[in-house]
Amino acid sequence: MGTLQQIQHWSTTHHPRWLVVLRVVLGLSLFIKGISFMNNAVMLNQLISGSIVSNTGDWLPLLITGAHLLGGFLIIIGLLTRWAILLQIPILIGAVIFMNTQSNIVSSGSETGFAFVILILLFLFLVEGGGPISLDNYFRKNPK
């Protein structure tokens, strides 16, 4: 049995139901952040322009917004959960390391703590997967 199959087996046998609620909240948080970036693109452009990755051009804000919207939605419904999380992890690592180093971590407007909690939850669900109440689980049990 391969490593991925062992992780999948362990995940399906040890996944409490309350983690499904936590997965949905994580997906909603990412989706709402994507909507926030879409509604306030100037703020996202300012965050990016003040960081190390400022020379990336106009495609990075679009990528971040689209990834949060798509990834958040997929995490909410539990479809391709691990792939959606793998899409989110580099963005959140960038947010924690590059974007939030330009501001004080403990300041009132800083979102470093929130981004760090989201990053930890992403790593948790990378291992746990979608859980018993997800489209991943449904399609695994009904392969038609």
N, C-alpha and C. Protein backbone atom coordinates (compact mmCIF):
# COMPACT_ATOMS: atom_id res chain seq x y z
N MET A 1 0.86 -1.18 0.00
CA MET A 1 0.00 0.00 0.00
C MET A 1 0.90 1.23 0.00
N GLY A 2 0.64 2.14 -0.93
CA GLY A 2 1.45 3.34 -1.05
C GLY A 2 1.19 4.33 0.08
N THR A 3 2.05 5.30 0.19
CA THR A 3 1.94 6.29 1.25
C THR A 3 0.65 7.08 1.14
N LEU A 4 0.27 7.49 -0.06
CA LEU A 4 -0.98 8.23 -0.22
C LEU A 4 -2.20 7.39 0.15
N GLN A 5 -2.15 6.11 -0.18
CA GLN A 5 -3.25 5.22 0.19
C GLN A 5 -3.31 5.03 1.70
N GLN A 6 -2.17 4.97 2.36
CA GLN A 6 -2.14 4.84 3.82
C GLN A 6 -2.70 6.09 4.48
N ILE A 7 -2.32 7.26 3.96
CA ILE A 7 -2.86 8.52 4.50
C ILE A 7 -4.37 8.56 4.29
N GLN A 8 -4.83 8.16 3.11
CA GLN A 8 -6.26 8.17 2.81
C GLN A 8 -7.02 7.22 3.72
N HIS A 9 -6.48 6.02 3.95
CA HIS A 9 -7.14 5.05 4.83
C HIS A 9 -7.20 5.57 6.25
N TRP A 10 -6.09 6.13 6.74
CA TRP A 10 -6.07 6.66 8.10
C TRP A 10 -7.06 7.81 8.23
N SER A 11 -7.11 8.66 7.21
CA SER A 11 -8.00 9.82 7.24
C SER A 11 -9.47 9.41 7.30
N THR A 12 -9.84 8.41 6.53
CA THR A 12 -11.25 8.01 6.52
C THR A 12 -11.66 7.29 7.79
N THR A 13 -10.74 6.64 8.48
CA THR A 13 -11.10 5.94 9.71
C THR A 13 -10.97 6.80 10.95
N HIS A 14 -10.29 7.93 10.88
CA HIS A 14 -10.06 8.77 12.06
C HIS A 14 -10.55 10.20 11.88
N HIS A 15 -11.56 10.41 11.08
CA HIS A 15 -12.03 11.77 10.77
C HIS A 15 -13.30 12.07 11.57
N PRO A 16 -13.19 12.86 12.65
CA PRO A 16 -14.40 13.22 13.39
C PRO A 16 -15.30 14.14 12.56
N ARG A 17 -16.59 14.09 12.83
CA ARG A 17 -17.56 14.86 12.06
C ARG A 17 -17.37 16.37 12.22
N TRP A 18 -16.88 16.83 13.39
CA TRP A 18 -16.73 18.26 13.60
C TRP A 18 -15.66 18.85 12.68
N LEU A 19 -14.76 18.01 12.18
CA LEU A 19 -13.76 18.51 11.23
C LEU A 19 -14.40 18.91 9.90
N VAL A 20 -15.56 18.34 9.60
CA VAL A 20 -16.27 18.74 8.38
C VAL A 20 -16.71 20.20 8.51
N VAL A 21 -17.22 20.56 9.69
CA VAL A 21 -17.63 21.95 9.93
C VAL A 21 -16.42 22.87 9.83
N LEU A 22 -15.29 22.44 10.39
CA LEU A 22 -14.07 23.24 10.32
C LEU A 22 -13.59 23.39 8.88
N ARG A 23 -13.72 22.33 8.08
CA ARG A 23 -13.35 22.40 6.65
C ARG A 23 -14.22 23.41 5.91
N VAL A 24 -15.52 23.40 6.19
CA VAL A 24 -16.43 24.33 5.53
C VAL A 24 -16.11 25.77 5.94
N VAL A 25 -15.81 25.98 7.23
CA VAL A 25 -15.45 27.33 7.69
C VAL A 25 -14.16 27.80 7.03
N LEU A 26 -13.19 26.89 6.88
CA LEU A 26 -11.95 27.22 6.19
C LEU A 26 -12.23 27.62 4.75
N GLY A 27 -13.03 26.84 4.05
CA GLY A 27 -13.38 27.16 2.67
C GLY A 27 -14.13 28.48 2.55
N LEU A 28 -15.06 28.72 3.48
CA LEU A 28 -15.79 29.99 3.48
C LEU A 28 -14.86 31.17 3.71
N SER A 29 -13.91 30.99 4.62
CA SER A 29 -12.94 32.07 4.90
C SER A 29 -12.14 32.42 3.65
N LEU A 30 -11.68 31.40 2.95
CA LEU A 30 -10.91 31.64 1.73
C LEU A 30 -11.77 32.26 0.64
N PHE A 31 -13.00 31.77 0.50
CA PHE A 31 -13.91 32.29 -0.52
C PHE A 31 -14.25 33.76 -0.23
N ILE A 32 -14.53 34.08 1.02
CA ILE A 32 -14.86 35.46 1.40
C ILE A 32 -13.65 36.37 1.21
N LYS A 33 -12.46 35.85 1.50
CA LYS A 33 -11.24 36.65 1.27
C LYS A 33 -11.05 36.90 -0.23
N GLY A 34 -11.39 35.92 -1.06
CA GLY A 34 -11.33 36.11 -2.51
C GLY A 34 -12.30 37.18 -2.97
N ILE A 35 -13.50 37.19 -2.41
CA ILE A 35 -14.48 38.23 -2.73
C ILE A 35 -13.98 39.59 -2.26
N SER A 36 -13.37 39.61 -1.08
CA SER A 36 -12.80 40.86 -0.56
C SER A 36 -11.71 41.39 -1.48
N PHE A 37 -10.84 40.51 -1.95
CA PHE A 37 -9.79 40.93 -2.89
C PHE A 37 -10.39 41.42 -4.20
N MET A 38 -11.47 40.79 -4.63
CA MET A 38 -12.10 41.19 -5.88
C MET A 38 -12.75 42.58 -5.73
N ASN A 39 -13.37 42.82 -4.58
CA ASN A 39 -14.03 44.11 -4.35
C ASN A 39 -13.04 45.23 -4.05
N ASN A 40 -11.88 44.89 -3.52
CA ASN A 40 -10.90 45.89 -3.14
C ASN A 40 -9.56 45.56 -3.77
N ALA A 41 -9.52 45.57 -5.09
CA ALA A 41 -8.31 45.20 -5.82
C ALA A 41 -7.17 46.18 -5.57
N VAL A 42 -7.49 47.42 -5.26
CA VAL A 42 -6.45 48.41 -4.98
C VAL A 42 -5.65 48.01 -3.75
N MET A 43 -6.35 47.53 -2.71
CA MET A 43 -5.67 47.10 -1.50
C MET A 43 -4.73 45.93 -1.79
N LEU A 44 -5.18 44.97 -2.57
CA LEU A 44 -4.34 43.83 -2.91
C LEU A 44 -3.13 44.26 -3.73
N ASN A 45 -3.33 45.17 -4.67
CA ASN A 45 -2.20 45.69 -5.45
C ASN A 45 -1.20 46.43 -4.57
N GLN A 46 -1.69 47.16 -3.56
CA GLN A 46 -0.79 47.85 -2.64
C GLN A 46 -0.01 46.86 -1.80
N LEU A 47 -0.67 45.81 -1.34
CA LEU A 47 0.03 44.78 -0.56
C LEU A 47 1.14 44.14 -1.37
N ILE A 48 0.84 43.84 -2.61
CA ILE A 48 1.83 43.19 -3.47
C ILE A 48 2.94 44.16 -3.85
N SER A 49 2.60 45.41 -4.12
CA SER A 49 3.63 46.38 -4.54
C SER A 49 4.60 46.70 -3.42
N GLY A 50 4.20 46.53 -2.18
CA GLY A 50 5.09 46.80 -1.07
C GLY A 50 5.88 45.59 -0.61
N SER A 51 5.90 44.55 -1.40
CA SER A 51 6.57 43.31 -0.97
C SER A 51 7.70 42.94 -1.91
N ILE A 52 8.30 41.82 -1.63
CA ILE A 52 9.41 41.31 -2.45
C ILE A 52 8.94 40.94 -3.85
N VAL A 53 7.71 40.50 -4.00
CA VAL A 53 7.20 40.03 -5.29
C VAL A 53 6.54 41.15 -6.09
N SER A 54 6.95 42.37 -5.86
CA SER A 54 6.29 43.51 -6.50
C SER A 54 6.51 43.58 -8.00
N ASN A 55 7.54 42.93 -8.53
CA ASN A 55 7.82 43.01 -9.96
C ASN A 55 7.15 41.90 -10.77
N THR A 56 6.12 41.26 -10.22
CA THR A 56 5.47 40.14 -10.92
C THR A 56 4.47 40.59 -11.97
N GLY A 57 4.05 41.81 -11.93
CA GLY A 57 3.10 42.28 -12.93
C GLY A 57 1.68 42.23 -12.44
N ASP A 58 0.77 42.28 -13.41
CA ASP A 58 -0.65 42.34 -13.07
C ASP A 58 -1.31 40.98 -12.90
N TRP A 59 -0.62 39.91 -13.18
CA TRP A 59 -1.23 38.58 -13.12
C TRP A 59 -1.33 38.04 -11.70
N LEU A 60 -0.47 38.48 -10.78
CA LEU A 60 -0.48 37.92 -9.43
C LEU A 60 -1.77 38.22 -8.65
N PRO A 61 -2.28 39.47 -8.67
CA PRO A 61 -3.56 39.70 -7.99
C PRO A 61 -4.71 38.87 -8.56
N LEU A 62 -4.72 38.69 -9.88
CA LEU A 62 -5.76 37.86 -10.50
C LEU A 62 -5.62 36.40 -10.08
N LEU A 63 -4.40 35.92 -10.02
CA LEU A 63 -4.15 34.55 -9.60
C LEU A 63 -4.57 34.32 -8.16
N ILE A 64 -4.21 35.24 -7.28
CA ILE A 64 -4.56 35.10 -5.87
C ILE A 64 -6.07 35.13 -5.67
N THR A 65 -6.72 36.08 -6.32
CA THR A 65 -8.18 36.19 -6.19
C THR A 65 -8.88 34.95 -6.74
N GLY A 66 -8.50 34.52 -7.92
CA GLY A 66 -9.12 33.34 -8.52
C GLY A 66 -8.85 32.08 -7.72
N ALA A 67 -7.63 31.95 -7.21
CA ALA A 67 -7.30 30.76 -6.41
C ALA A 67 -8.10 30.72 -5.13
N HIS A 68 -8.29 31.88 -4.49
CA HIS A 68 -9.09 31.90 -3.26
C HIS A 68 -10.56 31.58 -3.55
N LEU A 69 -11.08 32.11 -4.64
CA LEU A 69 -12.49 31.83 -4.97
C LEU A 69 -12.69 30.36 -5.34
N LEU A 70 -11.88 29.86 -6.26
CA LEU A 70 -12.03 28.48 -6.70
C LEU A 70 -11.67 27.50 -5.58
N GLY A 71 -10.53 27.73 -4.95
CA GLY A 71 -10.08 26.83 -3.89
C GLY A 71 -11.04 26.82 -2.71
N GLY A 72 -11.53 28.00 -2.32
CA GLY A 72 -12.48 28.07 -1.21
C GLY A 72 -13.75 27.31 -1.52
N PHE A 73 -14.27 27.46 -2.74
CA PHE A 73 -15.48 26.74 -3.14
C PHE A 73 -15.26 25.23 -3.14
N LEU A 74 -14.13 24.78 -3.69
CA LEU A 74 -13.85 23.35 -3.72
C LEU A 74 -13.67 22.77 -2.31
N ILE A 75 -13.07 23.54 -1.42
CA ILE A 75 -12.91 23.08 -0.04
C ILE A 75 -14.26 23.02 0.66
N ILE A 76 -15.12 23.97 0.41
CA ILE A 76 -16.46 23.96 1.03
C ILE A 76 -17.21 22.70 0.66
N ILE A 77 -17.24 22.36 -0.63
CA ILE A 77 -18.02 21.19 -1.06
C ILE A 77 -17.24 19.89 -0.92
N GLY A 78 -15.95 19.99 -0.66
CA GLY A 78 -15.14 18.78 -0.46
C GLY A 78 -14.81 18.06 -1.76
N LEU A 79 -14.65 18.80 -2.83
CA LEU A 79 -14.31 18.21 -4.12
C LEU A 79 -12.87 18.56 -4.44
N LEU A 80 -12.06 17.56 -4.75
CA LEU A 80 -10.63 17.76 -5.01
C LEU A 80 -9.99 18.56 -3.88
N THR A 81 -10.32 18.18 -2.66
CA THR A 81 -9.94 18.95 -1.48
C THR A 81 -8.44 19.11 -1.36
N ARG A 82 -7.71 18.03 -1.47
CA ARG A 82 -6.26 18.12 -1.30
C ARG A 82 -5.61 18.94 -2.41
N TRP A 83 -6.12 18.86 -3.63
CA TRP A 83 -5.58 19.66 -4.73
C TRP A 83 -5.87 21.14 -4.52
N ALA A 84 -7.07 21.43 -4.03
CA ALA A 84 -7.43 22.83 -3.76
C ALA A 84 -6.55 23.39 -2.64
N ILE A 85 -6.26 22.56 -1.67
CA ILE A 85 -5.40 23.00 -0.56
C ILE A 85 -3.97 23.21 -1.05
N LEU A 86 -3.50 22.32 -1.91
CA LEU A 86 -2.15 22.50 -2.47
C LEU A 86 -2.05 23.80 -3.26
N LEU A 87 -3.15 24.24 -3.85
CA LEU A 87 -3.18 25.50 -4.57
C LEU A 87 -3.10 26.68 -3.59
N GLN A 88 -3.68 26.53 -2.41
CA GLN A 88 -3.75 27.62 -1.44
C GLN A 88 -2.47 27.78 -0.62
N ILE A 89 -1.77 26.69 -0.35
CA ILE A 89 -0.62 26.74 0.57
C ILE A 89 0.46 27.73 0.13
N PRO A 90 0.91 27.73 -1.14
CA PRO A 90 1.94 28.72 -1.50
C PRO A 90 1.47 30.17 -1.34
N ILE A 91 0.21 30.41 -1.59
CA ILE A 91 -0.33 31.77 -1.44
C ILE A 91 -0.30 32.19 0.03
N LEU A 92 -0.70 31.30 0.91
CA LEU A 92 -0.71 31.63 2.34
C LEU A 92 0.69 31.71 2.91
N ILE A 93 1.60 30.88 2.43
CA ILE A 93 2.99 31.00 2.87
C ILE A 93 3.54 32.36 2.44
N GLY A 94 3.22 32.76 1.22
CA GLY A 94 3.62 34.09 0.76
C GLY A 94 3.00 35.19 1.59
N ALA A 95 1.74 35.02 1.98
CA ALA A 95 1.08 36.03 2.80
C ALA A 95 1.74 36.14 4.17
N VAL A 96 2.06 35.01 4.77
CA VAL A 96 2.65 35.02 6.10
C VAL A 96 4.08 35.56 6.05
N ILE A 97 4.87 35.11 5.10
CA ILE A 97 6.29 35.48 5.07
C ILE A 97 6.51 36.84 4.42
N PHE A 98 6.03 37.02 3.20
CA PHE A 98 6.40 38.22 2.45
C PHE A 98 5.49 39.41 2.73
N MET A 99 4.20 39.22 2.69
CA MET A 99 3.29 40.34 2.79
C MET A 99 3.21 40.92 4.19
N ASN A 100 3.15 40.06 5.19
CA ASN A 100 2.94 40.55 6.54
C ASN A 100 4.22 40.96 7.25
N THR A 101 5.37 40.77 6.65
CA THR A 101 6.61 41.24 7.26
C THR A 101 6.77 42.75 7.11
N GLN A 102 6.00 43.35 6.22
CA GLN A 102 6.11 44.79 6.04
C GLN A 102 5.32 45.56 7.09
N SER A 103 4.48 44.87 7.86
CA SER A 103 3.73 45.54 8.92
C SER A 103 4.04 44.87 10.25
N ASN A 104 3.67 45.54 11.31
CA ASN A 104 3.88 45.01 12.64
C ASN A 104 2.91 43.85 12.88
N ILE A 105 3.42 42.74 13.35
CA ILE A 105 2.59 41.54 13.52
C ILE A 105 1.48 41.75 14.53
N VAL A 106 1.73 42.50 15.57
CA VAL A 106 0.73 42.67 16.63
C VAL A 106 -0.11 43.93 16.46
N SER A 107 0.03 44.63 15.35
CA SER A 107 -0.78 45.83 15.15
C SER A 107 -2.24 45.44 14.92
N SER A 108 -3.11 46.42 15.12
CA SER A 108 -4.54 46.11 15.05
C SER A 108 -5.00 45.78 13.64
N GLY A 109 -4.35 46.30 12.62
CA GLY A 109 -4.76 46.04 11.25
C GLY A 109 -4.08 44.84 10.61
N SER A 110 -3.19 44.20 11.34
CA SER A 110 -2.43 43.09 10.79
C SER A 110 -3.28 41.83 10.72
N GLU A 111 -3.16 41.12 9.61
CA GLU A 111 -3.87 39.86 9.44
C GLU A 111 -2.93 38.67 9.51
N THR A 112 -1.75 38.88 10.09
CA THR A 112 -0.75 37.81 10.15
C THR A 112 -1.26 36.63 10.95
N GLY A 113 -1.88 36.89 12.08
CA GLY A 113 -2.41 35.81 12.91
C GLY A 113 -3.46 35.00 12.18
N PHE A 114 -4.36 35.69 11.51
CA PHE A 114 -5.41 35.02 10.75
C PHE A 114 -4.82 34.18 9.62
N ALA A 115 -3.85 34.76 8.89
CA ALA A 115 -3.22 34.02 7.79
C ALA A 115 -2.47 32.80 8.32
N PHE A 116 -1.85 32.93 9.48
CA PHE A 116 -1.11 31.81 10.06
C PHE A 116 -2.06 30.69 10.48
N VAL A 117 -3.20 31.04 11.07
CA VAL A 117 -4.20 30.02 11.46
C VAL A 117 -4.75 29.32 10.22
N ILE A 118 -5.04 30.08 9.18
CA ILE A 118 -5.53 29.49 7.93
C ILE A 118 -4.48 28.55 7.35
N LEU A 119 -3.21 28.94 7.40
CA LEU A 119 -2.13 28.09 6.89
C LEU A 119 -2.04 26.78 7.68
N ILE A 120 -2.16 26.85 8.99
CA ILE A 120 -2.15 25.63 9.81
C ILE A 120 -3.33 24.73 9.46
N LEU A 121 -4.51 25.33 9.28
CA LEU A 121 -5.69 24.55 8.91
C LEU A 121 -5.52 23.91 7.53
N LEU A 122 -4.87 24.62 6.62
CA LEU A 122 -4.62 24.04 5.30
C LEU A 122 -3.74 22.80 5.41
N PHE A 123 -2.70 22.87 6.23
CA PHE A 123 -1.84 21.70 6.41
C PHE A 123 -2.61 20.55 7.09
N LEU A 124 -3.50 20.88 8.03
CA LEU A 124 -4.32 19.86 8.69
C LEU A 124 -5.18 19.13 7.67
N PHE A 125 -5.86 19.89 6.81
CA PHE A 125 -6.76 19.26 5.84
C PHE A 125 -6.02 18.68 4.64
N LEU A 126 -4.78 19.05 4.44
CA LEU A 126 -3.97 18.37 3.44
C LEU A 126 -3.78 16.92 3.85
N VAL A 127 -3.61 16.68 5.14
CA VAL A 127 -3.48 15.31 5.66
C VAL A 127 -4.83 14.65 5.80
N GLU A 128 -5.80 15.37 6.36
CA GLU A 128 -7.12 14.79 6.66
C GLU A 128 -7.98 14.56 5.42
N GLY A 129 -7.87 15.41 4.44
CA GLY A 129 -8.71 15.29 3.26
C GLY A 129 -10.09 15.88 3.50
N GLY A 130 -11.02 15.55 2.64
CA GLY A 130 -12.36 16.11 2.69
C GLY A 130 -13.23 15.54 3.80
N GLY A 131 -12.94 14.33 4.21
CA GLY A 131 -13.74 13.71 5.27
C GLY A 131 -14.91 12.92 4.76
N PRO A 132 -15.73 12.41 5.69
CA PRO A 132 -16.84 11.54 5.30
C PRO A 132 -17.99 12.27 4.62
N ILE A 133 -18.13 13.56 4.86
CA ILE A 133 -19.20 14.33 4.24
C ILE A 133 -18.56 15.27 3.22
N SER A 134 -18.25 14.71 2.06
CA SER A 134 -17.62 15.49 0.99
C SER A 134 -17.90 14.82 -0.34
N LEU A 135 -17.74 15.57 -1.39
CA LEU A 135 -17.91 14.98 -2.72
C LEU A 135 -16.76 14.04 -3.05
N ASP A 136 -15.59 14.27 -2.47
CA ASP A 136 -14.48 13.33 -2.64
C ASP A 136 -14.89 11.94 -2.16
N ASN A 137 -15.48 11.89 -0.98
CA ASN A 137 -15.90 10.61 -0.40
C ASN A 137 -17.04 10.00 -1.21
N TYR A 138 -17.98 10.83 -1.66
CA TYR A 138 -19.09 10.32 -2.45
C TYR A 138 -18.59 9.68 -3.75
N PHE A 139 -17.70 10.35 -4.46
CA PHE A 139 -17.21 9.83 -5.73
C PHE A 139 -16.28 8.63 -5.52
N ARG A 140 -15.64 8.54 -4.37
CA ARG A 140 -14.81 7.38 -4.08
C ARG A 140 -15.69 6.14 -3.83
N LYS A 141 -16.83 6.34 -3.18
CA LYS A 141 -17.73 5.21 -2.89
C LYS A 141 -18.59 4.85 -4.09
N ASN A 142 -18.86 5.79 -4.97
CA ASN A 142 -19.71 5.57 -6.15
C ASN A 142 -18.91 5.90 -7.41
N PRO A 143 -18.07 5.01 -7.86
CA PRO A 143 -17.16 5.34 -8.95
C PRO A 143 -17.80 5.41 -10.34
N LYS A 144 -19.08 5.26 -10.48
CA LYS A 144 -19.72 5.25 -11.79
C LYS A 144 -19.51 6.50 -12.51
